[in-house]
Amino acid sequence: MDLSNCKSCGRLMLQSKKYCEKCQNEKDEVYRSVRTFLSNHPGSTLLDVHRELGIAISELLEYVREFSAMPMGGYQTKQSDRKA
């Protein structure tokens, strides 16, 4: 079996996962709180989630990248906002 370090805390673990069990449980809890918030506040923006739940924007964006199916409420980028 191959070993690696947890992407979040650096703890040694089996390479088959990105995060150790403790960090994965914490990420799952944060994910559930975001999902609950968005269910109760449809149309919320990324900034609304950040302000209300105190979750870092970088962490929220990580969820968007990792779980592309995760609904982020009103967080949308317009074509004119994108720089080539």
PDB file of N, CA and C in Angstrom:
ATOM      1  N   MET A   1       0.844  -1.189   0.000  1.00  0.00           N
ATOM      2  CA  MET A   1       0.000   0.000   0.000  1.00  0.00           C
ATOM      3  C   MET A   1       0.880   1.240   0.000  1.00  0.00           C
ATOM      4  N   ASP A   2       0.459   2.216  -0.772  1.00  0.00           N
ATOM      5  CA  ASP A   2       1.199   3.463  -0.847  1.00  0.00           C
ATOM      6  C   ASP A   2       0.679   4.443   0.197  1.00  0.00           C
ATOM      7  N   LEU A   3       1.587   5.234   0.714  1.00  0.00           N
ATOM      8  CA  LEU A   3       1.238   6.248   1.703  1.00  0.00           C
ATOM      9  C   LEU A   3       1.390   7.629   1.088  1.00  0.00           C
ATOM     10  N   SER A   4       0.613   8.563   1.598  1.00  0.00           N
ATOM     11  CA  SER A   4       0.721   9.963   1.192  1.00  0.00           C
ATOM     12  C   SER A   4       0.326  10.821   2.377  1.00  0.00           C
ATOM     13  N   ASN A   5       0.384  12.118   2.184  1.00  0.00           N
ATOM     14  CA  ASN A   5      -0.003  13.035   3.237  1.00  0.00           C
ATOM     15  C   ASN A   5      -1.360  13.639   2.920  1.00  0.00           C
ATOM     16  N   CYS A   6      -2.140  13.879   3.969  1.00  0.00           N
ATOM     17  CA  CYS A   6      -3.442  14.532   3.835  1.00  0.00           C
ATOM     18  C   CYS A   6      -3.235  15.898   3.179  1.00  0.00           C
ATOM     19  N   LYS A   7      -4.047  16.205   2.205  1.00  0.00           N
ATOM     20  CA  LYS A   7      -3.968  17.476   1.487  1.00  0.00           C
ATOM     21  C   LYS A   7      -4.243  18.670   2.402  1.00  0.00           C
ATOM     22  N   SER A   8      -4.975  18.446   3.466  1.00  0.00           N
ATOM     23  CA  SER A   8      -5.361  19.529   4.364  1.00  0.00           C
ATOM     24  C   SER A   8      -4.415  19.705   5.552  1.00  0.00           C
ATOM     25  N   CYS A   9      -4.138  18.627   6.284  1.00  0.00           N
ATOM     26  CA  CYS A   9      -3.365  18.749   7.529  1.00  0.00           C
ATOM     27  C   CYS A   9      -1.961  18.157   7.448  1.00  0.00           C
ATOM     28  N   GLY A  10      -1.686  17.381   6.406  1.00  0.00           N
ATOM     29  CA  GLY A  10      -0.377  16.783   6.245  1.00  0.00           C
ATOM     30  C   GLY A  10      -0.183  15.461   6.957  1.00  0.00           C
ATOM     31  N   ARG A  11      -1.214  14.975   7.630  1.00  0.00           N
ATOM     32  CA  ARG A  11      -1.134  13.697   8.351  1.00  0.00           C
ATOM     33  C   ARG A  11      -0.885  12.554   7.365  1.00  0.00           C
ATOM     34  N   LEU A  12      -0.081  11.578   7.760  1.00  0.00           N
ATOM     35  CA  LEU A  12       0.222  10.417   6.941  1.00  0.00           C
ATOM     36  C   LEU A  12      -1.005   9.519   6.843  1.00  0.00           C
ATOM     37  N   MET A  13      -1.279   9.020   5.640  1.00  0.00           N
ATOM     38  CA  MET A  13      -2.472   8.199   5.409  1.00  0.00           C
ATOM     39  C   MET A  13      -2.275   7.363   4.160  1.00  0.00           C
ATOM     40  N   LEU A  14      -3.252   6.508   3.869  1.00  0.00           N
ATOM     41  CA  LEU A  14      -3.218   5.724   2.640  1.00  0.00           C
ATOM     42  C   LEU A  14      -3.440   6.640   1.452  1.00  0.00           C
ATOM     43  N   GLN A  15      -2.779   6.358   0.352  1.00  0.00           N
ATOM     44  CA  GLN A  15      -2.821   7.234  -0.811  1.00  0.00           C
ATOM     45  C   GLN A  15      -4.159   7.199  -1.542  1.00  0.00           C
ATOM     46  N   SER A  16      -5.034   6.299  -1.211  1.00  0.00           N
ATOM     47  CA  SER A  16      -6.284   6.146  -1.941  1.00  0.00           C
ATOM     48  C   SER A  16      -7.239   7.316  -1.746  1.00  0.00           C
ATOM     49  N   LYS A  17      -6.945   8.211  -0.818  1.00  0.00           N
ATOM     50  CA  LYS A  17      -7.829   9.347  -0.536  1.00  0.00           C
ATOM     51  C   LYS A  17      -7.022  10.637  -0.543  1.00  0.00           C
ATOM     52  N   LYS A  18      -7.736  11.778  -0.705  1.00  0.00           N
ATOM     53  CA  LYS A  18      -7.078  13.086  -0.655  1.00  0.00           C
ATOM     54  C   LYS A  18      -6.884  13.564   0.776  1.00  0.00           C
ATOM     55  N   TYR A  19      -7.850  13.226   1.645  1.00  0.00           N
ATOM     56  CA  TYR A  19      -7.861  13.747   3.004  1.00  0.00           C
ATOM     57  C   TYR A  19      -7.915  12.612   4.016  1.00  0.00           C
ATOM     58  N   CYS A  20      -7.329  12.856   5.196  1.00  0.00           N
ATOM     59  CA  CYS A  20      -7.444  11.881   6.278  1.00  0.00           C
ATOM     60  C   CYS A  20      -8.901  11.852   6.755  1.00  0.00           C
ATOM     61  N   GLU A  21      -9.233  10.878   7.560  1.00  0.00           N
ATOM     62  CA  GLU A  21     -10.620  10.718   8.011  1.00  0.00           C
ATOM     63  C   GLU A  21     -11.123  11.939   8.769  1.00  0.00           C
ATOM     64  N   LYS A  22     -10.296  12.494   9.643  1.00  0.00           N
ATOM     65  CA  LYS A  22     -10.699  13.670  10.428  1.00  0.00           C
ATOM     66  C   LYS A  22     -10.988  14.863   9.520  1.00  0.00           C
ATOM     67  N   CYS A  23     -10.083  15.156   8.601  1.00  0.00           N
ATOM     68  CA  CYS A  23     -10.278  16.289   7.700  1.00  0.00           C
ATOM     69  C   CYS A  23     -11.462  16.065   6.762  1.00  0.00           C
ATOM     70  N   GLN A  24     -11.643  14.824   6.302  1.00  0.00           N
ATOM     71  CA  GLN A  24     -12.774  14.526   5.433  1.00  0.00           C
ATOM     72  C   GLN A  24     -14.087  14.742   6.166  1.00  0.00           C
ATOM     73  N   ASN A  25     -14.160  14.339   7.432  1.00  0.00           N
ATOM     74  CA  ASN A  25     -15.370  14.563   8.224  1.00  0.00           C
ATOM     75  C   ASN A  25     -15.643  16.052   8.396  1.00  0.00           C
ATOM     76  N   GLU A  26     -14.592  16.844   8.627  1.00  0.00           N
ATOM     77  CA  GLU A  26     -14.755  18.293   8.759  1.00  0.00           C
ATOM     78  C   GLU A  26     -15.237  18.901   7.442  1.00  0.00           C
ATOM     79  N   LYS A  27     -14.658  18.470   6.326  1.00  0.00           N
ATOM     80  CA  LYS A  27     -15.075  18.975   5.017  1.00  0.00           C
ATOM     81  C   LYS A  27     -16.518  18.582   4.718  1.00  0.00           C
ATOM     82  N   ASP A  28     -16.898  17.374   5.083  1.00  0.00           N
ATOM     83  CA  ASP A  28     -18.281  16.934   4.877  1.00  0.00           C
ATOM     84  C   ASP A  28     -19.255  17.795   5.673  1.00  0.00           C
ATOM     85  N   GLU A  29     -18.900  18.141   6.902  1.00  0.00           N
ATOM     86  CA  GLU A  29     -19.763  18.980   7.741  1.00  0.00           C
ATOM     87  C   GLU A  29     -19.914  20.377   7.139  1.00  0.00           C
ATOM     88  N   VAL A  30     -18.826  20.933   6.675  1.00  0.00           N
ATOM     89  CA  VAL A  30     -18.881  22.256   6.031  1.00  0.00           C
ATOM     90  C   VAL A  30     -19.746  22.181   4.780  1.00  0.00           C
ATOM     91  N   TYR A  31     -19.552  21.148   3.989  1.00  0.00           N
ATOM     92  CA  TYR A  31     -20.341  20.955   2.777  1.00  0.00           C
ATOM     93  C   TYR A  31     -21.835  20.889   3.103  1.00  0.00           C
ATOM     94  N   ARG A  32     -22.175  20.125   4.150  1.00  0.00           N
ATOM     95  CA  ARG A  32     -23.594  20.011   4.549  1.00  0.00           C
ATOM     96  C   ARG A  32     -24.148  21.365   5.000  1.00  0.00           C
ATOM     97  N   SER A  33     -23.355  22.144   5.718  1.00  0.00           N
ATOM     98  CA  SER A  33     -23.839  23.452   6.178  1.00  0.00           C
ATOM     99  C   SER A  33     -24.059  24.394   5.000  1.00  0.00           C
ATOM    100  N   VAL A  34     -23.186  24.326   4.001  1.00  0.00           N
ATOM    101  CA  VAL A  34     -23.361  25.161   2.807  1.00  0.00           C
ATOM    102  C   VAL A  34     -24.612  24.728   2.057  1.00  0.00           C
ATOM    103  N   ARG A  35     -24.791  23.424   1.890  1.00  0.00           N
ATOM    104  CA  ARG A  35     -25.982  22.918   1.191  1.00  0.00           C
ATOM    105  C   ARG A  35     -27.268  23.344   1.909  1.00  0.00           C
ATOM    106  N   THR A  36     -27.266  23.238   3.241  1.00  0.00           N
ATOM    107  CA  THR A  36     -28.438  23.636   4.020  1.00  0.00           C
ATOM    108  C   THR A  36     -28.705  25.126   3.864  1.00  0.00           C
ATOM    109  N   PHE A  37     -27.651  25.929   3.955  1.00  0.00           N
ATOM    110  CA  PHE A  37     -27.802  27.375   3.802  1.00  0.00           C
ATOM    111  C   PHE A  37     -28.385  27.721   2.435  1.00  0.00           C
ATOM    112  N   LEU A  38     -27.847  27.100   1.381  1.00  0.00           N
ATOM    113  CA  LEU A  38     -28.330  27.395   0.038  1.00  0.00           C
ATOM    114  C   LEU A  38     -29.757  26.906  -0.175  1.00  0.00           C
ATOM    115  N   SER A  39     -30.127  25.822   0.479  1.00  0.00           N
ATOM    116  CA  SER A  39     -31.513  25.337   0.385  1.00  0.00           C
ATOM    117  C   SER A  39     -32.473  26.317   1.042  1.00  0.00           C
ATOM    118  N   ASN A  40     -32.033  26.904   2.154  1.00  0.00           N
ATOM    119  CA  ASN A  40     -32.876  27.847   2.889  1.00  0.00           C
ATOM    120  C   ASN A  40     -32.816  29.261   2.332  1.00  0.00           C
ATOM    121  N   HIS A  41     -31.791  29.564   1.544  1.00  0.00           N
ATOM    122  CA  HIS A  41     -31.607  30.909   0.987  1.00  0.00           C
ATOM    123  C   HIS A  41     -31.270  30.813  -0.502  1.00  0.00           C
ATOM    124  N   PRO A  42     -32.229  30.362  -1.303  1.00  0.00           N
ATOM    125  CA  PRO A  42     -31.943  30.233  -2.740  1.00  0.00           C
ATOM    126  C   PRO A  42     -31.584  31.594  -3.328  1.00  0.00           C
ATOM    127  N   GLY A  43     -30.696  31.590  -4.275  1.00  0.00           N
ATOM    128  CA  GLY A  43     -30.278  32.835  -4.908  1.00  0.00           C
ATOM    129  C   GLY A  43     -29.135  33.517  -4.178  1.00  0.00           C
ATOM    130  N   SER A  44     -28.635  32.902  -3.108  1.00  0.00           N
ATOM    131  CA  SER A  44     -27.517  33.481  -2.368  1.00  0.00           C
ATOM    132  C   SER A  44     -26.263  33.461  -3.227  1.00  0.00           C
ATOM    133  N   THR A  45     -25.412  34.445  -2.999  1.00  0.00           N
ATOM    134  CA  THR A  45     -24.152  34.513  -3.722  1.00  0.00           C
ATOM    135  C   THR A  45     -23.051  33.845  -2.897  1.00  0.00           C
ATOM    136  N   LEU A  46     -21.920  33.680  -3.524  1.00  0.00           N
ATOM    137  CA  LEU A  46     -20.760  33.135  -2.832  1.00  0.00           C
ATOM    138  C   LEU A  46     -20.401  34.019  -1.640  1.00  0.00           C
ATOM    139  N   LEU A  47     -20.491  35.319  -1.828  1.00  0.00           N
ATOM    140  CA  LEU A  47     -20.186  36.256  -0.752  1.00  0.00           C
ATOM    141  C   LEU A  47     -21.199  36.141   0.391  1.00  0.00           C
ATOM    142  N   ASP A  48     -22.463  35.903   0.073  1.00  0.00           N
ATOM    143  CA  ASP A  48     -23.483  35.693   1.112  1.00  0.00           C
ATOM    144  C   ASP A  48     -23.140  34.477   1.969  1.00  0.00           C
ATOM    145  N   VAL A  49     -22.739  33.382   1.315  1.00  0.00           N
ATOM    146  CA  VAL A  49     -22.380  32.165   2.048  1.00  0.00           C
ATOM    147  C   VAL A  49     -21.179  32.443   2.943  1.00  0.00           C
ATOM    148  N   HIS A  50     -20.189  33.122   2.407  1.00  0.00           N
ATOM    149  CA  HIS A  50     -18.991  33.482   3.174  1.00  0.00           C
ATOM    150  C   HIS A  50     -19.353  34.311   4.407  1.00  0.00           C
ATOM    151  N   ARG A  51     -20.155  35.328   4.213  1.00  0.00           N
ATOM    152  CA  ARG A  51     -20.515  36.222   5.319  1.00  0.00           C
ATOM    153  C   ARG A  51     -21.351  35.521   6.377  1.00  0.00           C
ATOM    154  N   GLU A  52     -22.300  34.718   5.973  1.00  0.00           N
ATOM    155  CA  GLU A  52     -23.218  34.083   6.923  1.00  0.00           C
ATOM    156  C   GLU A  52     -22.608  32.890   7.653  1.00  0.00           C
ATOM    157  N   LEU A  53     -21.787  32.119   6.951  1.00  0.00           N
ATOM    158  CA  LEU A  53     -21.247  30.895   7.552  1.00  0.00           C
ATOM    159  C   LEU A  53     -19.801  31.039   8.005  1.00  0.00           C
ATOM    160  N   GLY A  54     -19.139  32.114   7.584  1.00  0.00           N
ATOM    161  CA  GLY A  54     -17.762  32.339   7.991  1.00  0.00           C
ATOM    162  C   GLY A  54     -16.769  31.389   7.340  1.00  0.00           C
ATOM    163  N   ILE A  55     -17.131  30.856   6.207  1.00  0.00           N
ATOM    164  CA  ILE A  55     -16.240  29.946   5.482  1.00  0.00           C
ATOM    165  C   ILE A  55     -15.420  30.781   4.501  1.00  0.00           C
ATOM    166  N   ALA A  56     -14.129  30.525   4.471  1.00  0.00           N
ATOM    167  CA  ALA A  56     -13.241  31.278   3.588  1.00  0.00           C
ATOM    168  C   ALA A  56     -13.675  31.124   2.136  1.00  0.00           C
ATOM    169  N   ILE A  57     -13.579  32.212   1.383  1.00  0.00           N
ATOM    170  CA  ILE A  57     -13.958  32.182  -0.027  1.00  0.00           C
ATOM    171  C   ILE A  57     -13.105  31.168  -0.778  1.00  0.00           C
ATOM    172  N   SER A  58     -11.832  31.080  -0.438  1.00  0.00           N
ATOM    173  CA  SER A  58     -10.958  30.101  -1.110  1.00  0.00           C
ATOM    174  C   SER A  58     -11.452  28.674  -0.884  1.00  0.00           C
ATOM    175  N   GLU A  59     -11.952  28.400   0.309  1.00  0.00           N
ATOM    176  CA  GLU A  59     -12.487  27.064   0.594  1.00  0.00           C
ATOM    177  C   GLU A  59     -13.775  26.821  -0.193  1.00  0.00           C
ATOM    178  N   LEU A  60     -14.620  27.836  -0.278  1.00  0.00           N
ATOM    179  CA  LEU A  60     -15.850  27.696  -1.054  1.00  0.00           C
ATOM    180  C   LEU A  60     -15.527  27.449  -2.529  1.00  0.00           C
ATOM    181  N   LEU A  61     -14.550  28.176  -3.049  1.00  0.00           N
ATOM    182  CA  LEU A  61     -14.162  27.983  -4.446  1.00  0.00           C
ATOM    183  C   LEU A  61     -13.572  26.593  -4.674  1.00  0.00           C
ATOM    184  N   GLU A  62     -12.908  26.062  -3.665  1.00  0.00           N
ATOM    185  CA  GLU A  62     -12.385  24.697  -3.754  1.00  0.00           C
ATOM    186  C   GLU A  62     -13.543  23.708  -3.900  1.00  0.00           C
ATOM    187  N   TYR A  63     -14.624  23.941  -3.150  1.00  0.00           N
ATOM    188  CA  TYR A  63     -15.798  23.078  -3.284  1.00  0.00           C
ATOM    189  C   TYR A  63     -16.383  23.180  -4.681  1.00  0.00           C
ATOM    190  N   VAL A  64     -16.415  24.381  -5.227  1.00  0.00           N
ATOM    191  CA  VAL A  64     -16.951  24.554  -6.575  1.00  0.00           C
ATOM    192  C   VAL A  64     -16.121  23.743  -7.566  1.00  0.00           C
ATOM    193  N   ARG A  65     -14.810  23.789  -7.426  1.00  0.00           N
ATOM    194  CA  ARG A  65     -13.939  23.034  -8.333  1.00  0.00           C
ATOM    195  C   ARG A  65     -14.084  21.528  -8.113  1.00  0.00           C
ATOM    196  N   GLU A  66     -14.086  21.090  -6.867  1.00  0.00           N
ATOM    197  CA  GLU A  66     -14.138  19.655  -6.574  1.00  0.00           C
ATOM    198  C   GLU A  66     -15.506  19.045  -6.848  1.00  0.00           C
ATOM    199  N   PHE A  67     -16.532  19.781  -6.539  1.00  0.00           N
ATOM    200  CA  PHE A  67     -17.901  19.279  -6.697  1.00  0.00           C
ATOM    201  C   PHE A  67     -18.636  20.182  -7.668  1.00  0.00           C
ATOM    202  N   SER A  68     -18.340  20.036  -8.942  1.00  0.00           N
ATOM    203  CA  SER A  68     -18.911  20.939  -9.936  1.00  0.00           C
ATOM    204  C   SER A  68     -20.431  20.915  -9.936  1.00  0.00           C
ATOM    205  N   ALA A  69     -21.042  19.887  -9.400  1.00  0.00           N
ATOM    206  CA  ALA A  69     -22.495  19.815  -9.334  1.00  0.00           C
ATOM    207  C   ALA A  69     -23.051  20.556  -8.123  1.00  0.00           C
ATOM    208  N   MET A  70     -22.175  21.061  -7.251  1.00  0.00           N
ATOM    209  CA  MET A  70     -22.630  21.761  -6.039  1.00  0.00           C
ATOM    210  C   MET A  70     -23.276  23.087  -6.419  1.00  0.00           C
ATOM    211  N   PRO A  71     -24.551  23.296  -6.046  1.00  0.00           N
ATOM    212  CA  PRO A  71     -25.202  24.563  -6.372  1.00  0.00           C
ATOM    213  C   PRO A  71     -24.632  25.701  -5.537  1.00  0.00           C
ATOM    214  N   MET A  72     -24.250  26.774  -6.186  1.00  0.00           N
ATOM    215  CA  MET A  72     -23.683  27.927  -5.476  1.00  0.00           C
ATOM    216  C   MET A  72     -24.625  29.133  -5.546  1.00  0.00           C
ATOM    217  N   GLY A  73     -25.899  28.862  -5.617  1.00  0.00           N
ATOM    218  CA  GLY A  73     -26.860  29.953  -5.576  1.00  0.00           C
ATOM    219  C   GLY A  73     -26.660  30.914  -6.723  1.00  0.00           C
ATOM    220  N   GLY A  74     -26.593  32.192  -6.412  1.00  0.00           N
ATOM    221  CA  GLY A  74     -26.488  33.236  -7.421  1.00  0.00           C
ATOM    222  C   GLY A  74     -25.086  33.489  -7.907  1.00  0.00           C
ATOM    223  N   TYR A  75     -24.118  32.678  -7.492  1.00  0.00           N
ATOM    224  CA  TYR A  75     -22.746  32.890  -7.913  1.00  0.00           C
ATOM    225  C   TYR A  75     -22.599  32.489  -9.368  1.00  0.00           C
ATOM    226  N   GLN A  76     -22.512  33.490 -10.221  1.00  0.00           N
ATOM    227  CA  GLN A  76     -22.355  33.244 -11.641  1.00  0.00           C
ATOM    228  C   GLN A  76     -21.374  34.262 -12.184  1.00  0.00           C
ATOM    229  N   THR A  77     -20.639  33.860 -13.181  1.00  0.00           N
ATOM    230  CA  THR A  77     -19.758  34.817 -13.834  1.00  0.00           C
ATOM    231  C   THR A  77     -20.347  35.133 -15.191  1.00  0.00           C
ATOM    232  N   LYS A  78     -20.378  36.386 -15.507  1.00  0.00           N
ATOM    233  CA  LYS A  78     -20.872  36.817 -16.804  1.00  0.00           C
ATOM    234  C   LYS A  78     -19.739  36.704 -17.808  1.00  0.00           C
ATOM    235  N   GLN A  79     -20.080  36.514 -19.037  1.00  0.00           N
ATOM    236  CA  GLN A  79     -19.065  36.420 -20.076  1.00  0.00           C
ATOM    237  C   GLN A  79     -18.228  37.689 -20.111  1.00  0.00           C
ATOM    238  N   SER A  80     -18.829  38.867 -19.845  1.00  0.00           N
ATOM    239  CA  SER A  80     -18.095  40.129 -19.887  1.00  0.00           C
ATOM    240  C   SER A  80     -17.136  40.273 -18.712  1.00  0.00           C
ATOM    241  N   ASP A  81     -17.332  39.496 -17.633  1.00  0.00           N
ATOM    242  CA  ASP A  81     -16.449  39.555 -16.469  1.00  0.00           C
ATOM    243  C   ASP A  81     -15.168  38.768 -16.669  1.00  0.00           C
ATOM    244  N   ARG A  82     -15.161  37.873 -17.645  1.00  0.00           N
ATOM    245  CA  ARG A  82     -14.008  37.012 -17.845  1.00  0.00           C
ATOM    246  C   ARG A  82     -12.955  37.724 -18.684  1.00  0.00           C
ATOM    247  N   LYS A  83     -11.736  37.610 -18.255  1.00  0.00           N
ATOM    248  CA  LYS A  83     -10.618  38.187 -19.005  1.00  0.00           C
ATOM    249  C   LYS A  83      -9.951  37.072 -19.797  1.00  0.00           C
ATOM    250  N   ALA A  84      -9.664  37.327 -21.017  1.00  0.00           N
ATOM    251  CA  ALA A  84      -9.032  36.308 -21.872  1.00  0.00           C
ATOM    252  C   ALA A  84      -7.546  36.214 -21.620  1.00  0.00           C
TER     253      ALA A  84
END
